[in-house]
Every structure is written in structure tokens, then in C-alpha cells.
Amino acid sequence: MRLLALPVTLIVIAVLVYLLVTLVRGGKPASQREAAGAPHWEADTVMENGWTLIVVRKVAPGPNGPVELARQTVRAIRDDDPDWDERYREGMLEARNRVSTLEIESG
């Protein structure tokens, strides 16, 4: 019996360590668990429901493509706005400036 007690004890300890590591890793949000690599901020455009949204988003490379970690809307422009082009250019300029600021702050 003593011969089996040591291997069984080691197996139980190994299982407990594995479960502990799994629980610790499980405490992160799913998007951060999937992210593998250095995150960065980028300007982006999203078109939905008759609106053009200019956003900055924090993304990191993941196993199935980029993973969005955070998003900030810079400007929302109605698609039928007569000054759409001008507002879009101004919004993208503001988004690029915000990306630069966020990259400096997070670096």
C-alpha cells in the first residue's frame, strides 16, 4: 500500500496545481485571454443603421484574428448629412490624434 501512496499523492498534487493555474487564468475577460501579442490603438470606421461612426479601438492579435479590447467613439455622422465628407475628414483627424495620445499614454 505504501508503494501506491506516493504516486497517488503526487498525482493529486499535480491535479490541484493544474486546477489552480486554470482558475487564475480564468479570471481575465475572454477578450484578454484570446489576445496574444502587444495591443495597439487604431482609428476605424463603422457603418451601421444610417450612421458612420469614427472610432478608435485597442486591438491585439489573437489566434483567430484581431481581438478588440476597448473602443471609443470619436464622432457619429448621419449618412445623409450634406457635409459628410468634411465631417468625416475632421473626425478621422481627431481619431488619429487620439490614437497618438493613447499610444503615448499606454507606452
N, C-alpha and C. Protein backbone atom coordinates (compact mmCIF):
# COMPACT_ATOMS: atom_id res chain seq x y z
N MET A 1 0.80 -1.20 0.00
CA MET A 1 0.00 0.00 0.00
C MET A 1 0.85 1.26 0.00
N ARG A 2 1.92 1.25 0.78
CA ARG A 2 2.77 2.44 0.83
C ARG A 2 3.39 2.72 -0.52
N LEU A 3 3.61 1.72 -1.31
CA LEU A 3 4.19 1.88 -2.63
C LEU A 3 3.25 2.69 -3.54
N LEU A 4 1.96 2.54 -3.41
CA LEU A 4 0.99 3.27 -4.22
C LEU A 4 0.66 4.65 -3.63
N ALA A 5 0.89 4.85 -2.38
CA ALA A 5 0.53 6.11 -1.73
C ALA A 5 1.31 7.29 -2.30
N LEU A 6 2.60 7.13 -2.55
CA LEU A 6 3.41 8.23 -3.07
C LEU A 6 2.97 8.65 -4.48
N PRO A 7 2.81 7.74 -5.45
CA PRO A 7 2.36 8.18 -6.79
C PRO A 7 0.96 8.79 -6.76
N VAL A 8 0.07 8.25 -5.95
CA VAL A 8 -1.28 8.81 -5.87
C VAL A 8 -1.22 10.21 -5.28
N THR A 9 -0.42 10.44 -4.28
CA THR A 9 -0.26 11.75 -3.67
C THR A 9 0.30 12.74 -4.70
N LEU A 10 1.30 12.34 -5.46
CA LEU A 10 1.88 13.22 -6.48
C LEU A 10 0.86 13.56 -7.56
N ILE A 11 0.05 12.60 -7.96
CA ILE A 11 -0.98 12.85 -8.98
C ILE A 11 -2.02 13.83 -8.45
N VAL A 12 -2.43 13.66 -7.21
CA VAL A 12 -3.41 14.57 -6.61
C VAL A 12 -2.84 15.99 -6.53
N ILE A 13 -1.59 16.12 -6.14
CA ILE A 13 -0.95 17.44 -6.06
C ILE A 13 -0.87 18.07 -7.45
N ALA A 14 -0.50 17.29 -8.46
CA ALA A 14 -0.41 17.80 -9.83
C ALA A 14 -1.77 18.28 -10.32
N VAL A 15 -2.82 17.54 -10.03
CA VAL A 15 -4.17 17.94 -10.45
C VAL A 15 -4.58 19.24 -9.75
N LEU A 16 -4.27 19.37 -8.47
CA LEU A 16 -4.61 20.59 -7.74
C LEU A 16 -3.86 21.80 -8.28
N VAL A 17 -2.59 21.64 -8.61
CA VAL A 17 -1.81 22.73 -9.19
C VAL A 17 -2.40 23.12 -10.55
N TYR A 18 -2.76 22.13 -11.36
CA TYR A 18 -3.37 22.41 -12.67
C TYR A 18 -4.68 23.19 -12.50
N LEU A 19 -5.53 22.77 -11.59
CA LEU A 19 -6.79 23.46 -11.35
C LEU A 19 -6.57 24.88 -10.85
N LEU A 20 -5.59 25.08 -10.00
CA LEU A 20 -5.27 26.41 -9.50
C LEU A 20 -4.83 27.33 -10.63
N VAL A 21 -3.95 26.84 -11.50
CA VAL A 21 -3.49 27.64 -12.63
C VAL A 21 -4.66 27.95 -13.57
N THR A 22 -5.52 27.00 -13.80
CA THR A 22 -6.69 27.22 -14.67
C THR A 22 -7.61 28.27 -14.08
N LEU A 23 -7.84 28.24 -12.78
CA LEU A 23 -8.70 29.24 -12.14
C LEU A 23 -8.09 30.63 -12.20
N VAL A 24 -6.79 30.72 -12.02
CA VAL A 24 -6.13 32.03 -12.07
C VAL A 24 -6.21 32.61 -13.47
N ARG A 25 -5.99 31.82 -14.48
CA ARG A 25 -6.09 32.30 -15.86
C ARG A 25 -7.53 32.63 -16.22
N GLY A 26 -8.47 31.93 -15.66
CA GLY A 26 -9.88 32.15 -15.96
C GLY A 26 -10.41 33.46 -15.42
N GLY A 27 -9.67 34.17 -14.58
CA GLY A 27 -10.12 35.42 -14.01
C GLY A 27 -10.07 36.59 -14.97
N LYS A 28 -9.41 36.44 -16.10
CA LYS A 28 -9.31 37.52 -17.08
C LYS A 28 -10.54 37.49 -17.99
N PRO A 29 -10.93 38.65 -18.56
CA PRO A 29 -12.01 38.65 -19.53
C PRO A 29 -11.65 37.81 -20.74
N ALA A 30 -12.66 37.28 -21.42
CA ALA A 30 -12.44 36.39 -22.56
C ALA A 30 -11.61 37.07 -23.65
N SER A 31 -11.86 38.36 -23.91
CA SER A 31 -11.11 39.04 -24.96
C SER A 31 -9.63 39.12 -24.65
N GLN A 32 -9.28 39.27 -23.36
CA GLN A 32 -7.87 39.33 -23.00
C GLN A 32 -7.25 37.95 -22.99
N ARG A 33 -8.03 36.91 -22.67
CA ARG A 33 -7.49 35.55 -22.72
C ARG A 33 -7.14 35.18 -24.15
N GLU A 34 -7.97 35.64 -25.13
CA GLU A 34 -7.73 35.30 -26.52
C GLU A 34 -6.60 36.12 -27.13
N ALA A 35 -6.35 37.28 -26.59
CA ALA A 35 -5.34 38.16 -27.17
C ALA A 35 -3.95 37.61 -26.92
N ALA A 36 -3.17 37.58 -27.98
CA ALA A 36 -1.78 37.12 -27.87
C ALA A 36 -0.91 38.11 -28.63
N GLY A 37 -0.19 38.94 -27.93
CA GLY A 37 0.66 39.92 -28.58
C GLY A 37 0.43 41.28 -27.97
N ALA A 38 1.19 42.24 -28.44
CA ALA A 38 1.12 43.59 -27.90
C ALA A 38 -0.10 44.32 -28.48
N PRO A 39 -0.97 44.83 -27.62
CA PRO A 39 -2.12 45.59 -28.12
C PRO A 39 -1.69 46.96 -28.62
N HIS A 40 -2.47 47.51 -29.54
CA HIS A 40 -2.21 48.85 -30.05
C HIS A 40 -3.54 49.52 -30.36
N TRP A 41 -3.52 50.85 -30.45
CA TRP A 41 -4.71 51.62 -30.76
C TRP A 41 -4.72 51.90 -32.25
N GLU A 42 -5.93 51.94 -32.85
CA GLU A 42 -6.07 52.25 -34.27
C GLU A 42 -7.38 52.99 -34.51
N ALA A 43 -7.39 53.83 -35.53
CA ALA A 43 -8.60 54.54 -35.95
C ALA A 43 -9.37 53.62 -36.89
N ASP A 44 -10.69 53.67 -36.81
CA ASP A 44 -11.51 52.78 -37.63
C ASP A 44 -12.83 53.47 -37.94
N THR A 45 -13.52 52.97 -38.95
CA THR A 45 -14.84 53.47 -39.33
C THR A 45 -15.83 52.31 -39.29
N VAL A 46 -16.99 52.57 -38.68
CA VAL A 46 -18.05 51.56 -38.61
C VAL A 46 -19.30 52.19 -39.18
N MET A 47 -19.96 51.49 -40.11
CA MET A 47 -21.20 52.00 -40.70
C MET A 47 -22.34 51.10 -40.26
N GLU A 48 -23.34 51.72 -39.58
CA GLU A 48 -24.47 50.94 -39.11
C GLU A 48 -25.71 51.81 -38.96
N ASN A 49 -26.83 51.29 -39.40
CA ASN A 49 -28.15 51.92 -39.22
C ASN A 49 -28.20 53.37 -39.69
N GLY A 50 -27.59 53.67 -40.83
CA GLY A 50 -27.65 55.01 -41.37
C GLY A 50 -26.66 55.99 -40.75
N TRP A 51 -25.73 55.50 -39.97
CA TRP A 51 -24.73 56.34 -39.31
C TRP A 51 -23.33 55.84 -39.66
N THR A 52 -22.40 56.76 -39.76
CA THR A 52 -20.98 56.44 -39.87
C THR A 52 -20.35 56.80 -38.54
N LEU A 53 -19.78 55.80 -37.89
CA LEU A 53 -19.13 56.02 -36.60
C LEU A 53 -17.62 56.00 -36.80
N ILE A 54 -16.96 57.03 -36.33
CA ILE A 54 -15.50 57.07 -36.35
C ILE A 54 -15.07 56.70 -34.94
N VAL A 55 -14.30 55.62 -34.84
CA VAL A 55 -13.92 55.09 -33.53
C VAL A 55 -12.42 54.89 -33.46
N VAL A 56 -11.92 54.86 -32.24
CA VAL A 56 -10.57 54.36 -32.00
C VAL A 56 -10.74 53.10 -31.16
N ARG A 57 -9.98 52.09 -31.49
CA ARG A 57 -10.11 50.83 -30.77
C ARG A 57 -8.74 50.27 -30.43
N LYS A 58 -8.71 49.61 -29.29
CA LYS A 58 -7.48 48.94 -28.85
C LYS A 58 -7.62 47.49 -29.27
N VAL A 59 -6.69 47.02 -30.10
CA VAL A 59 -6.74 45.66 -30.60
C VAL A 59 -5.43 44.94 -30.33
N ALA A 60 -5.53 43.64 -30.24
CA ALA A 60 -4.35 42.79 -30.07
C ALA A 60 -4.52 41.60 -31.01
N PRO A 61 -3.41 41.09 -31.53
CA PRO A 61 -3.53 39.90 -32.38
C PRO A 61 -3.99 38.71 -31.56
N GLY A 62 -4.90 37.95 -32.12
CA GLY A 62 -5.40 36.76 -31.45
C GLY A 62 -5.26 35.54 -32.35
N PRO A 63 -5.59 34.38 -31.87
CA PRO A 63 -5.44 33.17 -32.67
C PRO A 63 -6.35 33.14 -33.90
N ASN A 64 -7.49 33.84 -33.84
CA ASN A 64 -8.45 33.86 -34.95
C ASN A 64 -8.59 35.25 -35.55
N GLY A 65 -7.54 36.05 -35.48
CA GLY A 65 -7.59 37.42 -35.99
C GLY A 65 -7.53 38.41 -34.86
N PRO A 66 -7.64 39.70 -35.19
CA PRO A 66 -7.54 40.74 -34.15
C PRO A 66 -8.67 40.62 -33.12
N VAL A 67 -8.33 40.91 -31.87
CA VAL A 67 -9.29 40.91 -30.76
C VAL A 67 -9.43 42.33 -30.26
N GLU A 68 -10.67 42.85 -30.25
CA GLU A 68 -10.90 44.21 -29.78
C GLU A 68 -10.98 44.21 -28.26
N LEU A 69 -10.13 45.01 -27.63
CA LEU A 69 -10.09 45.10 -26.17
C LEU A 69 -10.86 46.30 -25.64
N ALA A 70 -10.89 47.39 -26.41
CA ALA A 70 -11.59 48.61 -25.98
C ALA A 70 -11.98 49.41 -27.22
N ARG A 71 -13.01 50.24 -27.06
CA ARG A 71 -13.46 51.07 -28.18
C ARG A 71 -13.97 52.40 -27.64
N GLN A 72 -13.62 53.48 -28.35
CA GLN A 72 -14.13 54.82 -28.03
C GLN A 72 -14.68 55.42 -29.32
N THR A 73 -15.90 55.94 -29.26
CA THR A 73 -16.48 56.60 -30.42
C THR A 73 -16.04 58.06 -30.42
N VAL A 74 -15.45 58.48 -31.53
CA VAL A 74 -14.96 59.85 -31.67
C VAL A 74 -16.04 60.74 -32.25
N ARG A 75 -16.73 60.26 -33.28
CA ARG A 75 -17.76 61.07 -33.93
C ARG A 75 -18.76 60.15 -34.63
N ALA A 76 -20.03 60.58 -34.62
CA ALA A 76 -21.10 59.88 -35.33
C ALA A 76 -21.66 60.85 -36.38
N ILE A 77 -21.73 60.39 -37.63
CA ILE A 77 -22.19 61.25 -38.73
C ILE A 77 -23.33 60.52 -39.44
N ARG A 78 -24.44 61.22 -39.62
CA ARG A 78 -25.55 60.63 -40.37
C ARG A 78 -25.09 60.44 -41.82
N ASP A 79 -25.47 59.35 -42.42
CA ASP A 79 -25.05 59.06 -43.79
C ASP A 79 -25.62 60.06 -44.80
N ASP A 80 -26.74 60.68 -44.49
CA ASP A 80 -27.33 61.64 -45.41
C ASP A 80 -26.95 63.10 -45.09
N ASP A 81 -25.97 63.29 -44.22
CA ASP A 81 -25.51 64.64 -43.85
C ASP A 81 -24.88 65.29 -45.08
N PRO A 82 -25.31 66.52 -45.45
CA PRO A 82 -24.74 67.17 -46.64
C PRO A 82 -23.25 67.50 -46.47
N ASP A 83 -22.78 67.64 -45.24
CA ASP A 83 -21.36 67.93 -45.01
C ASP A 83 -20.61 66.67 -44.56
N TRP A 84 -21.05 65.51 -45.03
CA TRP A 84 -20.48 64.24 -44.59
C TRP A 84 -18.97 64.19 -44.82
N ASP A 85 -18.52 64.56 -46.03
CA ASP A 85 -17.09 64.48 -46.36
C ASP A 85 -16.23 65.31 -45.40
N GLU A 86 -16.65 66.54 -45.18
CA GLU A 86 -15.88 67.43 -44.29
C GLU A 86 -15.88 66.89 -42.86
N ARG A 87 -17.04 66.48 -42.38
CA ARG A 87 -17.14 65.95 -41.02
C ARG A 87 -16.34 64.66 -40.86
N TYR A 88 -16.32 63.85 -41.92
CA TYR A 88 -15.55 62.61 -41.87
C TYR A 88 -14.05 62.90 -41.76
N ARG A 89 -13.57 63.82 -42.60
CA ARG A 89 -12.15 64.18 -42.55
C ARG A 89 -11.77 64.75 -41.18
N GLU A 90 -12.63 65.63 -40.64
CA GLU A 90 -12.36 66.20 -39.31
C GLU A 90 -12.36 65.10 -38.23
N GLY A 91 -13.33 64.18 -38.33
CA GLY A 91 -13.42 63.09 -37.35
C GLY A 91 -12.22 62.16 -37.42
N MET A 92 -11.75 61.85 -38.63
CA MET A 92 -10.59 60.98 -38.76
C MET A 92 -9.33 61.67 -38.24
N LEU A 93 -9.22 62.98 -38.46
CA LEU A 93 -8.09 63.72 -37.91
C LEU A 93 -8.11 63.67 -36.39
N GLU A 94 -9.28 63.88 -35.80
CA GLU A 94 -9.42 63.80 -34.35
C GLU A 94 -9.10 62.38 -33.85
N ALA A 95 -9.56 61.36 -34.58
CA ALA A 95 -9.30 59.97 -34.17
C ALA A 95 -7.81 59.66 -34.22
N ARG A 96 -7.13 60.11 -35.26
CA ARG A 96 -5.68 59.87 -35.35
C ARG A 96 -4.92 60.58 -34.23
N ASN A 97 -5.36 61.78 -33.89
CA ASN A 97 -4.74 62.49 -32.77
C ASN A 97 -4.97 61.74 -31.46
N ARG A 98 -6.17 61.21 -31.28
CA ARG A 98 -6.47 60.46 -30.06
C ARG A 98 -5.65 59.17 -30.01
N VAL A 99 -5.48 58.51 -31.16
CA VAL A 99 -4.65 57.29 -31.20
C VAL A 99 -3.24 57.62 -30.76
N SER A 100 -2.69 58.73 -31.28
CA SER A 100 -1.32 59.11 -30.89
C SER A 100 -1.23 59.35 -29.39
N THR A 101 -2.21 60.04 -28.84
CA THR A 101 -2.20 60.32 -27.40
C THR A 101 -2.32 59.03 -26.60
N LEU A 102 -3.22 58.16 -27.00
CA LEU A 102 -3.40 56.90 -26.25
C LEU A 102 -2.18 56.00 -26.34
N GLU A 103 -1.53 55.98 -27.49
CA GLU A 103 -0.31 55.16 -27.64
C GLU A 103 0.80 55.70 -26.74
N ILE A 104 0.92 57.02 -26.66
CA ILE A 104 1.95 57.62 -25.78
C ILE A 104 1.65 57.30 -24.33
N GLU A 105 0.36 57.42 -23.93
CA GLU A 105 0.00 57.17 -22.55
C GLU A 105 0.15 55.71 -22.14
N SER A 106 -0.10 54.79 -23.08
CA SER A 106 -0.01 53.38 -22.74
C SER A 106 1.39 52.81 -22.92
N GLY A 107 2.29 53.59 -23.47
CA GLY A 107 3.64 53.10 -23.73
C GLY A 107 4.59 53.26 -22.63
